[in-house]
Amino acid sequence: MVNLVTRLATRRGLIVLLIAYAIVFGMILWSLNQLSEVSGGYGILDFEPGYSLDRVNEVLGSYGPEGMALYGRIQVLDVFNPALYSLVAATLTYLLWRDRGPDWLCLMPLLGGLGDYAENVTLFMIARAYPELPVGLVQVSSMLSLIKNGLLVIGFTPLIFGVILWVIGRVRGNAE
């Protein structure tokens, strides 16, 4: 996996990743806006740090048939989203830590993507089961949501510190 990230760590590779991510995330945002309109302001459970059975019923119940169709589109786009944002972050992490830290550090952002995929699978199953919501599945999905958020923090920490070190280096370089 490190080899894939190092191959993507070129100007062209990063630009292709960023364009692909911008397209997918832009389509998600556009669909979220439409979903918010048809649901009376409700979003998606993916953005909530944990949720109860009542909350899942409330959110999915607000969608109606048109909203469920939009949510289905968002779920299809969310097949690509975690891979793209994880690879963008992994590539940037590699570029920031190249020659300064271990190569495996660039894999840390992939943790958040893996957590996101785990939650997405359960949310897909919940949406397909609706209005019959398996209590255990909702509990597992909620727990995976919390785990995903923790993994995102852990995974993006090297990227954040890499950016901080890069900025410090630029400031010191300009001061001399």
N, C-alpha and C. Protein backbone atom coordinates (compact mmCIF):
# COMPACT_ATOMS: atom_id res chain seq x y z
N MET A 1 0.82 -1.19 0.00
CA MET A 1 0.00 0.00 0.00
C MET A 1 0.87 1.27 0.00
N VAL A 2 2.00 1.18 0.69
CA VAL A 2 2.93 2.32 0.67
C VAL A 2 3.37 2.58 -0.76
N ASN A 3 3.58 1.51 -1.54
CA ASN A 3 3.99 1.68 -2.94
C ASN A 3 2.95 2.45 -3.74
N LEU A 4 1.66 2.17 -3.51
CA LEU A 4 0.60 2.91 -4.21
C LEU A 4 0.67 4.39 -3.85
N VAL A 5 0.81 4.68 -2.58
CA VAL A 5 0.86 6.08 -2.14
C VAL A 5 2.08 6.77 -2.73
N THR A 6 3.23 6.10 -2.75
CA THR A 6 4.43 6.74 -3.31
C THR A 6 4.28 6.99 -4.81
N ARG A 7 3.57 6.09 -5.50
CA ARG A 7 3.32 6.31 -6.94
C ARG A 7 2.37 7.48 -7.16
N LEU A 8 1.43 7.69 -6.23
CA LEU A 8 0.49 8.80 -6.36
C LEU A 8 1.12 10.13 -5.94
N ALA A 9 2.26 10.08 -5.27
CA ALA A 9 2.89 11.28 -4.71
C ALA A 9 3.67 12.05 -5.76
N THR A 10 3.00 12.33 -6.85
CA THR A 10 3.55 13.18 -7.91
C THR A 10 2.56 14.32 -8.13
N ARG A 11 2.99 15.34 -8.80
CA ARG A 11 2.07 16.45 -9.09
C ARG A 11 0.84 15.93 -9.84
N ARG A 12 1.08 15.12 -10.86
CA ARG A 12 -0.02 14.59 -11.67
C ARG A 12 -0.93 13.68 -10.84
N GLY A 13 -0.32 12.79 -10.06
CA GLY A 13 -1.10 11.87 -9.23
C GLY A 13 -1.98 12.59 -8.24
N LEU A 14 -1.41 13.59 -7.59
CA LEU A 14 -2.17 14.36 -6.60
C LEU A 14 -3.28 15.16 -7.26
N ILE A 15 -3.00 15.73 -8.42
CA ILE A 15 -4.03 16.50 -9.14
C ILE A 15 -5.18 15.60 -9.55
N VAL A 16 -4.88 14.41 -10.07
CA VAL A 16 -5.94 13.47 -10.46
C VAL A 16 -6.78 13.09 -9.24
N LEU A 17 -6.12 12.78 -8.12
CA LEU A 17 -6.85 12.45 -6.89
C LEU A 17 -7.74 13.61 -6.44
N LEU A 18 -7.18 14.81 -6.43
CA LEU A 18 -7.95 15.98 -5.98
C LEU A 18 -9.14 16.26 -6.89
N ILE A 19 -8.97 16.11 -8.19
CA ILE A 19 -10.08 16.32 -9.12
C ILE A 19 -11.16 15.26 -8.90
N ALA A 20 -10.75 14.00 -8.79
CA ALA A 20 -11.72 12.93 -8.55
C ALA A 20 -12.47 13.16 -7.24
N TYR A 21 -11.73 13.54 -6.20
CA TYR A 21 -12.37 13.79 -4.91
C TYR A 21 -13.32 14.99 -4.99
N ALA A 22 -12.90 16.05 -5.67
CA ALA A 22 -13.75 17.23 -5.80
C ALA A 22 -15.05 16.90 -6.53
N ILE A 23 -14.97 16.07 -7.55
CA ILE A 23 -16.16 15.68 -8.30
C ILE A 23 -17.10 14.87 -7.41
N VAL A 24 -16.56 13.84 -6.77
CA VAL A 24 -17.40 12.97 -5.93
C VAL A 24 -17.97 13.75 -4.75
N PHE A 25 -17.13 14.50 -4.05
CA PHE A 25 -17.62 15.24 -2.89
C PHE A 25 -18.59 16.34 -3.30
N GLY A 26 -18.34 16.96 -4.45
CA GLY A 26 -19.28 17.96 -4.97
C GLY A 26 -20.64 17.36 -5.25
N MET A 27 -20.66 16.16 -5.83
CA MET A 27 -21.93 15.48 -6.09
C MET A 27 -22.62 15.09 -4.78
N ILE A 28 -21.84 14.71 -3.78
CA ILE A 28 -22.42 14.40 -2.47
C ILE A 28 -23.04 15.65 -1.87
N LEU A 29 -22.32 16.77 -1.90
CA LEU A 29 -22.86 18.02 -1.34
C LEU A 29 -24.12 18.47 -2.07
N TRP A 30 -24.13 18.34 -3.38
CA TRP A 30 -25.31 18.70 -4.17
C TRP A 30 -26.49 17.82 -3.78
N SER A 31 -26.25 16.52 -3.63
CA SER A 31 -27.31 15.59 -3.23
C SER A 31 -27.76 15.86 -1.79
N LEU A 32 -26.81 16.21 -0.91
CA LEU A 32 -27.17 16.53 0.48
C LEU A 32 -28.06 17.76 0.54
N ASN A 33 -27.79 18.74 -0.30
CA ASN A 33 -28.62 19.94 -0.35
C ASN A 33 -30.04 19.58 -0.77
N GLN A 34 -30.16 18.74 -1.78
CA GLN A 34 -31.48 18.29 -2.23
C GLN A 34 -32.18 17.50 -1.13
N LEU A 35 -31.43 16.62 -0.46
CA LEU A 35 -32.00 15.81 0.62
C LEU A 35 -32.49 16.70 1.75
N SER A 36 -31.73 17.71 2.09
CA SER A 36 -32.12 18.63 3.15
C SER A 36 -33.44 19.33 2.80
N GLU A 37 -33.60 19.68 1.54
CA GLU A 37 -34.83 20.34 1.10
C GLU A 37 -36.04 19.43 1.22
N VAL A 38 -35.92 18.18 0.79
CA VAL A 38 -37.09 17.28 0.82
C VAL A 38 -37.36 16.70 2.20
N SER A 39 -36.38 16.75 3.09
CA SER A 39 -36.55 16.15 4.42
C SER A 39 -36.83 17.18 5.52
N GLY A 40 -36.95 18.43 5.15
CA GLY A 40 -37.20 19.44 6.16
C GLY A 40 -35.97 19.81 6.96
N GLY A 41 -34.80 19.69 6.35
CA GLY A 41 -33.57 20.12 7.00
C GLY A 41 -32.72 19.00 7.57
N TYR A 42 -33.17 17.77 7.44
CA TYR A 42 -32.37 16.65 7.96
C TYR A 42 -31.23 16.34 7.01
N GLY A 43 -30.13 15.89 7.58
CA GLY A 43 -28.98 15.48 6.79
C GLY A 43 -28.87 13.96 6.79
N ILE A 44 -27.65 13.48 6.88
CA ILE A 44 -27.42 12.04 6.89
C ILE A 44 -26.76 11.64 8.21
N LEU A 45 -26.96 10.39 8.56
CA LEU A 45 -26.43 9.89 9.82
C LEU A 45 -24.90 9.81 9.82
N ASP A 46 -24.30 9.71 8.64
CA ASP A 46 -22.83 9.62 8.53
C ASP A 46 -22.12 10.77 9.24
N PHE A 47 -22.77 11.92 9.31
CA PHE A 47 -22.14 13.10 9.90
C PHE A 47 -22.37 13.21 11.40
N GLU A 48 -23.11 12.27 11.97
CA GLU A 48 -23.41 12.33 13.40
C GLU A 48 -22.49 11.38 14.17
N PRO A 49 -21.95 11.83 15.30
CA PRO A 49 -21.07 10.96 16.10
C PRO A 49 -21.91 10.04 17.00
N GLY A 50 -22.43 9.00 16.42
CA GLY A 50 -23.28 8.07 17.16
C GLY A 50 -24.74 8.50 17.04
N TYR A 51 -25.63 7.52 17.16
CA TYR A 51 -27.06 7.80 17.02
C TYR A 51 -27.85 6.69 17.68
N SER A 52 -29.05 7.04 18.10
CA SER A 52 -29.95 6.09 18.76
C SER A 52 -30.96 5.55 17.74
N LEU A 53 -31.70 4.53 18.15
CA LEU A 53 -32.75 3.98 17.30
C LEU A 53 -33.78 5.06 16.98
N ASP A 54 -34.14 5.86 17.98
CA ASP A 54 -35.11 6.94 17.76
C ASP A 54 -34.58 7.95 16.75
N ARG A 55 -33.29 8.28 16.84
CA ARG A 55 -32.71 9.24 15.91
C ARG A 55 -32.70 8.69 14.48
N VAL A 56 -32.36 7.42 14.34
CA VAL A 56 -32.36 6.79 13.01
C VAL A 56 -33.77 6.82 12.43
N ASN A 57 -34.77 6.48 13.24
CA ASN A 57 -36.17 6.53 12.79
C ASN A 57 -36.57 7.94 12.39
N GLU A 58 -36.15 8.92 13.19
CA GLU A 58 -36.48 10.32 12.91
C GLU A 58 -35.87 10.78 11.58
N VAL A 59 -34.59 10.50 11.40
CA VAL A 59 -33.89 10.95 10.19
C VAL A 59 -34.44 10.24 8.95
N LEU A 60 -34.45 8.91 8.98
CA LEU A 60 -34.92 8.18 7.80
C LEU A 60 -36.40 8.43 7.55
N GLY A 61 -37.18 8.60 8.61
CA GLY A 61 -38.61 8.89 8.46
C GLY A 61 -38.87 10.23 7.82
N SER A 62 -37.94 11.16 7.95
CA SER A 62 -38.11 12.49 7.36
C SER A 62 -37.88 12.49 5.85
N TYR A 63 -37.26 11.46 5.34
CA TYR A 63 -36.86 11.45 3.93
C TYR A 63 -38.03 11.29 2.97
N GLY A 64 -38.94 10.37 3.27
CA GLY A 64 -39.98 10.05 2.30
C GLY A 64 -39.36 9.33 1.11
N PRO A 65 -40.18 8.94 0.13
CA PRO A 65 -39.64 8.20 -1.03
C PRO A 65 -38.58 8.97 -1.82
N GLU A 66 -38.81 10.27 -2.03
CA GLU A 66 -37.84 11.06 -2.79
C GLU A 66 -36.52 11.18 -2.03
N GLY A 67 -36.62 11.38 -0.73
CA GLY A 67 -35.42 11.47 0.10
C GLY A 67 -34.66 10.16 0.17
N MET A 68 -35.39 9.05 0.23
CA MET A 68 -34.71 7.75 0.26
C MET A 68 -33.97 7.50 -1.05
N ALA A 69 -34.55 7.95 -2.17
CA ALA A 69 -33.86 7.81 -3.46
C ALA A 69 -32.59 8.66 -3.47
N LEU A 70 -32.67 9.87 -2.93
CA LEU A 70 -31.48 10.72 -2.84
C LEU A 70 -30.44 10.12 -1.91
N TYR A 71 -30.91 9.56 -0.80
CA TYR A 71 -29.98 8.93 0.14
C TYR A 71 -29.29 7.74 -0.52
N GLY A 72 -30.02 7.00 -1.35
CA GLY A 72 -29.41 5.90 -2.10
C GLY A 72 -28.31 6.39 -3.02
N ARG A 73 -28.53 7.54 -3.67
CA ARG A 73 -27.50 8.13 -4.53
C ARG A 73 -26.27 8.52 -3.70
N ILE A 74 -26.52 9.11 -2.54
CA ILE A 74 -25.41 9.51 -1.66
C ILE A 74 -24.63 8.28 -1.22
N GLN A 75 -25.34 7.18 -0.93
CA GLN A 75 -24.64 5.96 -0.51
C GLN A 75 -23.78 5.39 -1.63
N VAL A 76 -24.25 5.48 -2.86
CA VAL A 76 -23.43 5.02 -4.00
C VAL A 76 -22.17 5.89 -4.11
N LEU A 77 -22.33 7.19 -4.01
CA LEU A 77 -21.17 8.08 -4.07
C LEU A 77 -20.22 7.83 -2.91
N ASP A 78 -20.79 7.44 -1.77
CA ASP A 78 -19.97 7.20 -0.58
C ASP A 78 -19.17 5.90 -0.67
N VAL A 79 -19.35 5.16 -1.76
CA VAL A 79 -18.47 4.02 -2.02
C VAL A 79 -17.09 4.53 -2.42
N PHE A 80 -17.05 5.66 -3.11
CA PHE A 80 -15.79 6.23 -3.61
C PHE A 80 -15.17 7.23 -2.63
N ASN A 81 -16.01 7.95 -1.90
CA ASN A 81 -15.55 9.05 -1.06
C ASN A 81 -14.48 8.67 -0.04
N PRO A 82 -14.66 7.63 0.79
CA PRO A 82 -13.62 7.31 1.77
C PRO A 82 -12.27 6.96 1.14
N ALA A 83 -12.31 6.23 0.03
CA ALA A 83 -11.06 5.87 -0.64
C ALA A 83 -10.35 7.12 -1.15
N LEU A 84 -11.13 8.02 -1.74
CA LEU A 84 -10.52 9.22 -2.31
C LEU A 84 -9.96 10.15 -1.25
N TYR A 85 -10.75 10.45 -0.19
CA TYR A 85 -10.20 11.37 0.81
C TYR A 85 -9.05 10.73 1.57
N SER A 86 -9.10 9.41 1.76
CA SER A 86 -8.00 8.73 2.45
C SER A 86 -6.73 8.76 1.61
N LEU A 87 -6.87 8.53 0.31
CA LEU A 87 -5.69 8.54 -0.56
C LEU A 87 -5.11 9.95 -0.72
N VAL A 88 -5.98 10.96 -0.79
CA VAL A 88 -5.48 12.34 -0.83
C VAL A 88 -4.68 12.64 0.43
N ALA A 89 -5.26 12.30 1.58
CA ALA A 89 -4.58 12.57 2.86
C ALA A 89 -3.31 11.74 2.99
N ALA A 90 -3.34 10.49 2.54
CA ALA A 90 -2.15 9.63 2.62
C ALA A 90 -1.04 10.18 1.73
N THR A 91 -1.40 10.63 0.54
CA THR A 91 -0.42 11.19 -0.38
C THR A 91 0.20 12.47 0.18
N LEU A 92 -0.65 13.34 0.71
CA LEU A 92 -0.12 14.57 1.31
C LEU A 92 0.75 14.26 2.51
N THR A 93 0.34 13.29 3.32
CA THR A 93 1.14 12.89 4.48
C THR A 93 2.50 12.37 4.02
N TYR A 94 2.50 11.55 2.98
CA TYR A 94 3.77 11.03 2.45
C TYR A 94 4.68 12.18 2.01
N LEU A 95 4.10 13.12 1.26
CA LEU A 95 4.91 14.24 0.76
C LEU A 95 5.46 15.10 1.90
N LEU A 96 4.67 15.29 2.95
CA LEU A 96 5.11 16.11 4.07
C LEU A 96 6.15 15.41 4.95
N TRP A 97 6.10 14.08 5.02
CA TRP A 97 7.00 13.33 5.90
C TRP A 97 8.13 12.63 5.15
N ARG A 98 8.14 12.76 3.84
CA ARG A 98 9.19 12.10 3.05
C ARG A 98 10.56 12.55 3.56
N ASP A 99 11.41 11.60 3.78
CA ASP A 99 12.77 11.84 4.29
C ASP A 99 12.80 12.38 5.72
N ARG A 100 11.66 12.37 6.43
CA ARG A 100 11.63 12.86 7.81
C ARG A 100 11.07 11.83 8.77
N GLY A 101 10.40 10.83 8.26
CA GLY A 101 9.76 9.86 9.13
C GLY A 101 9.60 8.54 8.42
N PRO A 102 9.06 7.55 9.11
CA PRO A 102 8.89 6.24 8.49
C PRO A 102 7.84 6.29 7.37
N ASP A 103 8.06 5.49 6.33
CA ASP A 103 7.14 5.48 5.19
C ASP A 103 5.73 5.06 5.59
N TRP A 104 5.60 4.17 6.57
CA TRP A 104 4.28 3.67 6.95
C TRP A 104 3.39 4.76 7.53
N LEU A 105 3.97 5.88 7.92
CA LEU A 105 3.19 6.99 8.47
C LEU A 105 2.13 7.47 7.48
N CYS A 106 2.43 7.36 6.19
CA CYS A 106 1.47 7.80 5.18
C CYS A 106 0.22 6.93 5.14
N LEU A 107 0.27 5.76 5.75
CA LEU A 107 -0.89 4.87 5.76
C LEU A 107 -1.90 5.24 6.84
N MET A 108 -1.50 6.06 7.79
CA MET A 108 -2.38 6.42 8.91
C MET A 108 -3.74 6.98 8.46
N PRO A 109 -3.80 7.88 7.46
CA PRO A 109 -5.10 8.41 7.06
C PRO A 109 -6.06 7.34 6.52
N LEU A 110 -5.51 6.21 6.10
CA LEU A 110 -6.38 5.15 5.59
C LEU A 110 -7.24 4.54 6.69
N LEU A 111 -6.83 4.71 7.94
CA LEU A 111 -7.62 4.19 9.06
C LEU A 111 -9.02 4.80 9.07
N GLY A 112 -9.10 6.10 8.88
CA GLY A 112 -10.40 6.76 8.85
C GLY A 112 -11.28 6.25 7.73
N GLY A 113 -10.67 6.03 6.57
CA GLY A 113 -11.43 5.49 5.45
C GLY A 113 -11.97 4.10 5.73
N LEU A 114 -11.16 3.26 6.37
CA LEU A 114 -11.62 1.92 6.73
C LEU A 114 -12.78 1.99 7.72
N GLY A 115 -12.67 2.88 8.70
CA GLY A 115 -13.77 3.06 9.65
C GLY A 115 -15.02 3.57 8.97
N ASP A 116 -14.84 4.47 8.01
CA ASP A 116 -15.97 5.01 7.25
C ASP A 116 -16.66 3.91 6.46
N TYR A 117 -15.88 3.04 5.81
CA TYR A 117 -16.48 1.93 5.07
C TYR A 117 -17.27 1.00 5.98
N ALA A 118 -16.73 0.71 7.16
CA ALA A 118 -17.43 -0.17 8.10
C ALA A 118 -18.78 0.44 8.48
N GLU A 119 -18.79 1.73 8.79
CA GLU A 119 -20.06 2.38 9.13
C GLU A 119 -20.99 2.41 7.92
N ASN A 120 -20.47 2.68 6.74
CA ASN A 120 -21.30 2.76 5.54
C ASN A 120 -22.02 1.45 5.25
N VAL A 121 -21.35 0.33 5.48
CA VAL A 121 -21.99 -0.98 5.26
C VAL A 121 -23.21 -1.11 6.16
N THR A 122 -23.06 -0.75 7.43
CA THR A 122 -24.20 -0.88 8.35
C THR A 122 -25.30 0.12 8.00
N LEU A 123 -24.94 1.32 7.59
CA LEU A 123 -25.97 2.30 7.21
C LEU A 123 -26.71 1.86 5.96
N PHE A 124 -26.02 1.21 5.04
CA PHE A 124 -26.67 0.66 3.85
C PHE A 124 -27.69 -0.41 4.27
N MET A 125 -27.28 -1.29 5.18
CA MET A 125 -28.18 -2.34 5.66
C MET A 125 -29.38 -1.75 6.40
N ILE A 126 -29.15 -0.71 7.19
CA ILE A 126 -30.23 -0.05 7.91
C ILE A 126 -31.22 0.58 6.93
N ALA A 127 -30.71 1.28 5.92
CA ALA A 127 -31.57 1.94 4.94
C ALA A 127 -32.41 0.91 4.17
N ARG A 128 -31.82 -0.24 3.87
CA ARG A 128 -32.55 -1.28 3.14
C ARG A 128 -33.61 -1.94 4.02
N ALA A 129 -33.36 -1.99 5.31
CA ALA A 129 -34.31 -2.62 6.24
C ALA A 129 -35.45 -1.67 6.63
N TYR A 130 -35.23 -0.36 6.48
CA TYR A 130 -36.21 0.61 6.93
C TYR A 130 -37.56 0.36 6.27
N PRO A 131 -38.67 0.41 7.00
CA PRO A 131 -38.89 0.94 8.35
C PRO A 131 -38.67 -0.08 9.48
N GLU A 132 -38.33 -1.30 9.15
CA GLU A 132 -38.02 -2.30 10.18
C GLU A 132 -36.55 -2.13 10.55
N LEU A 133 -36.29 -1.55 11.69
CA LEU A 133 -34.91 -1.28 12.08
C LEU A 133 -34.42 -2.29 13.10
N PRO A 134 -33.43 -3.11 12.73
CA PRO A 134 -32.84 -4.04 13.69
C PRO A 134 -32.07 -3.27 14.77
N VAL A 135 -32.50 -3.40 16.02
CA VAL A 135 -31.91 -2.65 17.12
C VAL A 135 -30.41 -2.90 17.21
N GLY A 136 -30.00 -4.17 17.12
CA GLY A 136 -28.58 -4.51 17.22
C GLY A 136 -27.76 -3.87 16.12
N LEU A 137 -28.30 -3.84 14.91
CA LEU A 137 -27.59 -3.24 13.78
C LEU A 137 -27.41 -1.73 13.98
N VAL A 138 -28.44 -1.08 14.49
CA VAL A 138 -28.34 0.36 14.77
C VAL A 138 -27.27 0.61 15.84
N GLN A 139 -27.24 -0.23 16.86
CA GLN A 139 -26.23 -0.08 17.92
C GLN A 139 -24.82 -0.28 17.38
N VAL A 140 -24.65 -1.30 16.53
CA VAL A 140 -23.33 -1.55 15.93
C VAL A 140 -22.94 -0.37 15.03
N SER A 141 -23.88 0.12 14.24
CA SER A 141 -23.60 1.24 13.35
C SER A 141 -23.21 2.48 14.14
N SER A 142 -23.92 2.74 15.23
CA SER A 142 -23.60 3.88 16.07
C SER A 142 -22.20 3.75 16.67
N MET A 143 -21.87 2.55 17.12
CA MET A 143 -20.53 2.32 17.67
C MET A 143 -19.47 2.50 16.59
N LEU A 144 -19.74 2.00 15.38
CA LEU A 144 -18.80 2.17 14.27
C LEU A 144 -18.64 3.65 13.90
N SER A 145 -19.70 4.42 14.06
CA SER A 145 -19.62 5.86 13.81
C SER A 145 -18.62 6.51 14.76
N LEU A 146 -18.69 6.13 16.02
CA LEU A 146 -17.75 6.68 17.01
C LEU A 146 -16.33 6.21 16.73
N ILE A 147 -16.19 4.93 16.37
CA ILE A 147 -14.86 4.39 16.04
C ILE A 147 -14.29 5.11 14.82
N LYS A 148 -15.14 5.31 13.80
CA LYS A 148 -14.70 6.02 12.59
C LYS A 148 -14.16 7.40 12.94
N ASN A 149 -14.89 8.13 13.76
CA ASN A 149 -14.45 9.47 14.13
C ASN A 149 -13.12 9.43 14.88
N GLY A 150 -12.95 8.46 15.76
CA GLY A 150 -11.67 8.31 16.46
C GLY A 150 -10.54 7.97 15.50
N LEU A 151 -10.82 7.07 14.55
CA LEU A 151 -9.80 6.70 13.56
C LEU A 151 -9.46 7.88 12.65
N LEU A 152 -10.45 8.70 12.33
CA LEU A 152 -10.16 9.90 11.52
C LEU A 152 -9.20 10.83 12.25
N VAL A 153 -9.44 11.02 13.54
CA VAL A 153 -8.54 11.88 14.33
C VAL A 153 -7.14 11.29 14.37
N ILE A 154 -7.05 10.00 14.69
CA ILE A 154 -5.75 9.33 14.75
C ILE A 154 -5.07 9.36 13.38
N GLY A 155 -5.84 9.04 12.34
CA GLY A 155 -5.28 8.95 11.00
C GLY A 155 -4.82 10.27 10.42
N PHE A 156 -5.51 11.35 10.77
CA PHE A 156 -5.15 12.65 10.21
C PHE A 156 -4.14 13.40 11.06
N THR A 157 -3.81 12.88 12.23
CA THR A 157 -2.83 13.54 13.09
C THR A 157 -1.47 13.72 12.41
N PRO A 158 -0.91 12.69 11.75
CA PRO A 158 0.39 12.92 11.07
C PRO A 158 0.30 13.99 9.97
N LEU A 159 -0.84 14.05 9.28
CA LEU A 159 -1.01 15.08 8.25
C LEU A 159 -1.03 16.47 8.88
N ILE A 160 -1.77 16.62 9.96
CA ILE A 160 -1.86 17.92 10.63
C ILE A 160 -0.48 18.35 11.16
N PHE A 161 0.22 17.42 11.83
CA PHE A 161 1.56 17.76 12.33
C PHE A 161 2.53 18.02 11.18
N GLY A 162 2.37 17.29 10.09
CA GLY A 162 3.22 17.53 8.92
C GLY A 162 3.01 18.92 8.36
N VAL A 163 1.76 19.36 8.29
CA VAL A 163 1.47 20.72 7.81
C VAL A 163 2.06 21.76 8.76
N ILE A 164 1.90 21.53 10.07
CA ILE A 164 2.47 22.46 11.06
C ILE A 164 3.98 22.56 10.90
N LEU A 165 4.66 21.42 10.79
CA LEU A 165 6.11 21.43 10.61
C LEU A 165 6.52 22.10 9.31
N TRP A 166 5.75 21.88 8.26
CA TRP A 166 6.03 22.50 6.96
C TRP A 166 5.91 24.02 7.07
N VAL A 167 4.84 24.50 7.73
CA VAL A 167 4.64 25.94 7.91
C VAL A 167 5.78 26.53 8.74
N ILE A 168 6.14 25.87 9.83
CA ILE A 168 7.25 26.35 10.66
C ILE A 168 8.53 26.44 9.84
N GLY A 169 8.79 25.42 9.03
CA GLY A 169 9.98 25.44 8.18
C GLY A 169 9.95 26.57 7.18
N ARG A 170 8.79 26.86 6.61
CA ARG A 170 8.66 27.96 5.65
C ARG A 170 8.87 29.32 6.33
N VAL A 171 8.30 29.47 7.53
CA VAL A 171 8.44 30.73 8.27
C VAL A 171 9.89 30.95 8.65
N ARG A 172 10.53 29.90 9.16
CA ARG A 172 11.95 30.02 9.53
C ARG A 172 12.81 30.29 8.31
N GLY A 173 12.48 29.67 7.19
CA GLY A 173 13.24 29.89 5.96
C GLY A 173 13.11 31.31 5.46
N ASN A 174 11.94 31.91 5.60
CA ASN A 174 11.72 33.30 5.18
C ASN A 174 12.34 34.29 6.15
N ALA A 175 12.49 33.88 7.41
CA ALA A 175 13.05 34.79 8.42
C ALA A 175 14.56 34.93 8.26
N GLU A 176 15.18 33.97 7.63
CA GLU A 176 16.65 34.00 7.50
C GLU A 176 17.11 34.79 6.33
